[in-house]
């Protein structure tokens, strides 16, 4: 859950429990999301960032479907892709 600005402040243990992750999996997924510029993280705050493409993104742009995803869904998807 996040506020209107996309900010959440769950502790690592709460976030991991909600996602069904161990602490190592949570840290790895969070690092990937930060590296992909999908979230900003400064303990204990998470913020979902804009999905607008930027010139600094080095990967091929992917089609945006306009669907809303929770941070948990994004994290689960990233962990399943490994």
N, C-alpha and C. Protein backbone atom coordinates (compact mmCIF):
# COMPACT_ATOMS: atom_id res chain seq x y z
N UNK A 1 0.84 -1.18 0.00
CA UNK A 1 0.00 0.00 0.00
C UNK A 1 0.89 1.24 0.00
N UNK A 2 0.43 2.25 -0.69
CA UNK A 2 1.18 3.49 -0.79
C UNK A 2 0.21 4.66 -0.74
N UNK A 3 0.75 5.85 -0.46
CA UNK A 3 -0.10 7.04 -0.46
C UNK A 3 -0.26 7.56 -1.89
N UNK A 4 -0.89 8.71 -2.04
CA UNK A 4 -1.18 9.26 -3.36
C UNK A 4 0.07 9.59 -4.16
N UNK A 5 1.19 9.81 -3.49
CA UNK A 5 2.45 10.10 -4.17
C UNK A 5 3.27 8.82 -4.44
N UNK A 6 2.70 7.67 -4.16
CA UNK A 6 3.38 6.41 -4.40
C UNK A 6 4.40 6.06 -3.33
N UNK A 7 4.28 6.71 -2.15
CA UNK A 7 5.24 6.48 -1.08
C UNK A 7 4.71 5.48 -0.07
N UNK A 8 5.57 4.55 0.32
CA UNK A 8 5.24 3.54 1.31
C UNK A 8 6.38 3.49 2.32
N UNK A 9 6.06 3.11 3.53
CA UNK A 9 7.09 3.08 4.56
C UNK A 9 7.03 1.80 5.40
N UNK A 10 6.74 0.69 4.76
CA UNK A 10 6.74 -0.58 5.47
C UNK A 10 8.17 -0.96 5.84
N UNK A 11 8.33 -1.58 6.99
CA UNK A 11 9.65 -2.09 7.38
C UNK A 11 9.99 -3.26 6.48
N UNK A 12 11.28 -3.60 6.42
CA UNK A 12 11.70 -4.74 5.61
C UNK A 12 10.99 -6.01 6.04
N UNK A 13 10.85 -6.23 7.33
CA UNK A 13 10.21 -7.47 7.80
C UNK A 13 8.73 -7.50 7.40
N UNK A 14 8.05 -6.37 7.48
CA UNK A 14 6.64 -6.33 7.08
C UNK A 14 6.50 -6.54 5.58
N UNK A 15 7.32 -5.82 4.79
CA UNK A 15 7.25 -5.95 3.33
C UNK A 15 7.57 -7.37 2.90
N UNK A 16 8.61 -7.96 3.48
CA UNK A 16 8.98 -9.34 3.14
C UNK A 16 7.85 -10.30 3.47
N UNK A 17 7.25 -10.13 4.63
CA UNK A 17 6.15 -11.00 5.04
C UNK A 17 4.96 -10.87 4.11
N UNK A 18 4.63 -9.65 3.71
CA UNK A 18 3.49 -9.42 2.81
C UNK A 18 3.73 -10.06 1.44
N UNK A 19 4.99 -10.08 1.02
CA UNK A 19 5.34 -10.61 -0.30
C UNK A 19 5.68 -12.09 -0.28
N UNK A 20 5.87 -12.64 0.90
CA UNK A 20 6.29 -14.04 1.01
C UNK A 20 7.75 -14.22 0.66
N UNK A 21 8.56 -13.18 0.88
CA UNK A 21 9.99 -13.22 0.58
C UNK A 21 10.78 -13.36 1.87
N UNK A 22 11.97 -13.92 1.77
CA UNK A 22 12.91 -13.84 2.88
C UNK A 22 13.62 -12.49 2.74
N UNK A 23 14.37 -12.08 3.75
CA UNK A 23 15.01 -10.77 3.72
C UNK A 23 16.00 -10.64 2.57
N UNK A 24 16.68 -11.72 2.22
CA UNK A 24 17.63 -11.69 1.11
C UNK A 24 16.93 -11.44 -0.21
N UNK A 25 15.80 -12.12 -0.42
CA UNK A 25 15.02 -11.94 -1.65
C UNK A 25 14.49 -10.51 -1.75
N UNK A 26 14.02 -9.97 -0.62
CA UNK A 26 13.51 -8.61 -0.61
C UNK A 26 14.61 -7.62 -1.00
N UNK A 27 15.78 -7.75 -0.41
CA UNK A 27 16.88 -6.83 -0.72
C UNK A 27 17.29 -6.94 -2.19
N UNK A 28 17.33 -8.16 -2.71
CA UNK A 28 17.70 -8.36 -4.13
C UNK A 28 16.67 -7.73 -5.05
N UNK A 29 15.39 -7.98 -4.77
CA UNK A 29 14.33 -7.43 -5.61
C UNK A 29 14.33 -5.90 -5.53
N UNK A 30 14.51 -5.37 -4.33
CA UNK A 30 14.54 -3.92 -4.15
C UNK A 30 15.71 -3.31 -4.94
N UNK A 31 16.86 -3.95 -4.89
CA UNK A 31 18.03 -3.45 -5.62
C UNK A 31 17.76 -3.42 -7.12
N UNK A 32 17.09 -4.46 -7.63
CA UNK A 32 16.77 -4.49 -9.05
C UNK A 32 15.78 -3.41 -9.43
N UNK A 33 14.78 -3.18 -8.58
CA UNK A 33 13.80 -2.13 -8.86
C UNK A 33 14.44 -0.75 -8.83
N UNK A 34 15.36 -0.53 -7.90
CA UNK A 34 16.07 0.75 -7.83
C UNK A 34 16.94 0.91 -9.08
N UNK A 35 17.67 -0.14 -9.45
CA UNK A 35 18.54 -0.08 -10.63
C UNK A 35 17.74 0.17 -11.90
N UNK A 36 16.53 -0.36 -11.97
CA UNK A 36 15.67 -0.17 -13.13
C UNK A 36 14.93 1.16 -13.08
N UNK A 37 15.18 1.91 -12.03
CA UNK A 37 14.53 3.22 -11.81
C UNK A 37 13.02 3.13 -11.75
N UNK A 38 12.53 2.02 -11.18
CA UNK A 38 11.10 1.87 -10.96
C UNK A 38 10.69 2.36 -9.59
N UNK A 39 11.62 2.29 -8.62
CA UNK A 39 11.36 2.79 -7.29
C UNK A 39 12.57 3.58 -6.79
N UNK A 40 12.29 4.44 -5.83
CA UNK A 40 13.36 5.09 -5.06
C UNK A 40 13.26 4.49 -3.66
N UNK A 41 14.38 4.33 -2.99
CA UNK A 41 14.37 3.74 -1.66
C UNK A 41 15.36 4.47 -0.77
N UNK A 42 14.86 4.91 0.35
CA UNK A 42 15.68 5.48 1.42
C UNK A 42 15.01 5.00 2.70
N UNK A 43 15.64 4.02 3.38
CA UNK A 43 15.02 3.34 4.51
C UNK A 43 14.34 4.33 5.45
N UNK A 44 13.12 4.07 5.83
CA UNK A 44 12.27 2.95 5.43
C UNK A 44 11.31 3.31 4.29
N UNK A 45 11.58 4.34 3.53
CA UNK A 45 10.63 4.82 2.53
C UNK A 45 10.89 4.25 1.14
N UNK A 46 9.81 3.81 0.51
CA UNK A 46 9.81 3.40 -0.88
C UNK A 46 8.95 4.41 -1.63
N UNK A 47 9.31 4.73 -2.86
CA UNK A 47 8.44 5.53 -3.70
C UNK A 47 8.44 4.95 -5.10
N UNK A 48 7.24 4.69 -5.61
CA UNK A 48 7.09 4.22 -6.98
C UNK A 48 7.34 5.41 -7.90
N UNK A 49 8.22 5.24 -8.86
CA UNK A 49 8.58 6.33 -9.76
C UNK A 49 7.76 6.28 -11.04
N UNK A 50 7.78 7.38 -11.75
CA UNK A 50 7.06 7.50 -13.00
C UNK A 50 7.54 6.46 -14.00
N UNK A 51 6.64 5.96 -14.80
CA UNK A 51 6.99 5.00 -15.83
C UNK A 51 7.26 5.67 -17.17
N UNK A 52 7.28 6.99 -17.19
CA UNK A 52 7.57 7.72 -18.41
C UNK A 52 9.00 7.40 -18.83
N UNK A 53 9.23 7.13 -20.12
CA UNK A 53 10.59 6.82 -20.56
C UNK A 53 11.50 8.04 -20.42
N UNK A 54 12.77 7.77 -20.13
CA UNK A 54 13.75 8.84 -20.03
C UNK A 54 14.91 8.53 -20.96
N UNK A 55 15.68 9.54 -21.30
CA UNK A 55 16.83 9.35 -22.19
C UNK A 55 17.90 8.51 -21.52
N UNK A 56 17.93 8.47 -20.18
CA UNK A 56 18.98 7.74 -19.46
C UNK A 56 18.74 6.24 -19.43
N UNK A 57 17.56 5.77 -19.80
CA UNK A 57 17.26 4.35 -19.77
C UNK A 57 17.97 3.67 -20.93
N UNK A 58 18.77 2.65 -20.63
CA UNK A 58 19.58 2.03 -21.67
C UNK A 58 18.92 0.82 -22.32
N UNK A 59 17.87 0.30 -21.71
CA UNK A 59 17.21 -0.88 -22.28
C UNK A 59 16.19 -0.46 -23.32
N UNK A 60 15.82 -1.42 -24.16
CA UNK A 60 14.77 -1.18 -25.14
C UNK A 60 13.49 -0.80 -24.43
N UNK A 61 12.79 0.23 -24.89
CA UNK A 61 11.52 0.57 -24.24
C UNK A 61 10.52 -0.56 -24.44
N UNK A 62 9.77 -0.82 -23.40
CA UNK A 62 8.73 -1.85 -23.48
C UNK A 62 7.38 -1.17 -23.59
N UNK A 63 6.46 -1.84 -24.24
CA UNK A 63 5.13 -1.31 -24.38
C UNK A 63 4.49 -1.16 -23.01
N UNK A 64 3.89 -0.02 -22.76
CA UNK A 64 3.18 0.23 -21.51
C UNK A 64 1.71 -0.09 -21.74
N UNK A 65 1.17 -0.94 -20.91
CA UNK A 65 -0.21 -1.36 -21.09
C UNK A 65 -1.18 -0.51 -20.29
N UNK A 66 -0.67 0.39 -19.46
CA UNK A 66 -1.52 1.27 -18.69
C UNK A 66 -2.18 0.61 -17.49
N UNK A 67 -1.81 -0.63 -17.19
CA UNK A 67 -2.41 -1.29 -16.05
C UNK A 67 -1.65 -0.94 -14.78
N UNK A 68 -2.38 -0.89 -13.68
CA UNK A 68 -1.76 -0.58 -12.41
C UNK A 68 -1.30 -1.87 -11.74
N UNK A 69 -0.08 -1.85 -11.21
CA UNK A 69 0.47 -3.00 -10.51
C UNK A 69 0.94 -2.54 -9.14
N UNK A 70 0.76 -3.39 -8.17
CA UNK A 70 1.29 -3.09 -6.85
C UNK A 70 2.78 -3.36 -6.84
N UNK A 71 3.49 -2.79 -5.89
CA UNK A 71 4.91 -3.05 -5.74
C UNK A 71 5.13 -4.55 -5.54
N UNK A 72 4.24 -5.18 -4.79
CA UNK A 72 4.34 -6.62 -4.56
C UNK A 72 4.27 -7.41 -5.86
N UNK A 73 3.34 -7.02 -6.74
CA UNK A 73 3.21 -7.71 -8.02
C UNK A 73 4.47 -7.53 -8.86
N UNK A 74 5.03 -6.32 -8.84
CA UNK A 74 6.25 -6.06 -9.59
C UNK A 74 7.40 -6.89 -9.04
N UNK A 75 7.54 -6.91 -7.72
CA UNK A 75 8.61 -7.68 -7.09
C UNK A 75 8.47 -9.16 -7.39
N UNK A 76 7.25 -9.70 -7.26
CA UNK A 76 7.02 -11.12 -7.55
C UNK A 76 7.37 -11.45 -9.00
N UNK A 77 6.96 -10.58 -9.91
CA UNK A 77 7.24 -10.78 -11.33
C UNK A 77 8.73 -10.81 -11.59
N UNK A 78 9.47 -9.91 -10.94
CA UNK A 78 10.92 -9.87 -11.13
C UNK A 78 11.59 -11.12 -10.57
N UNK A 79 11.12 -11.60 -9.43
CA UNK A 79 11.71 -12.79 -8.83
C UNK A 79 11.41 -14.02 -9.66
N UNK A 80 10.22 -14.09 -10.26
CA UNK A 80 9.85 -15.24 -11.09
C UNK A 80 10.65 -15.25 -12.40
N UNK A 81 11.07 -14.08 -12.87
CA UNK A 81 11.80 -13.98 -14.13
C UNK A 81 13.24 -14.48 -14.00
N UNK A 82 13.72 -14.62 -12.78
CA UNK A 82 15.11 -15.07 -12.58
C UNK A 82 15.27 -16.51 -12.89
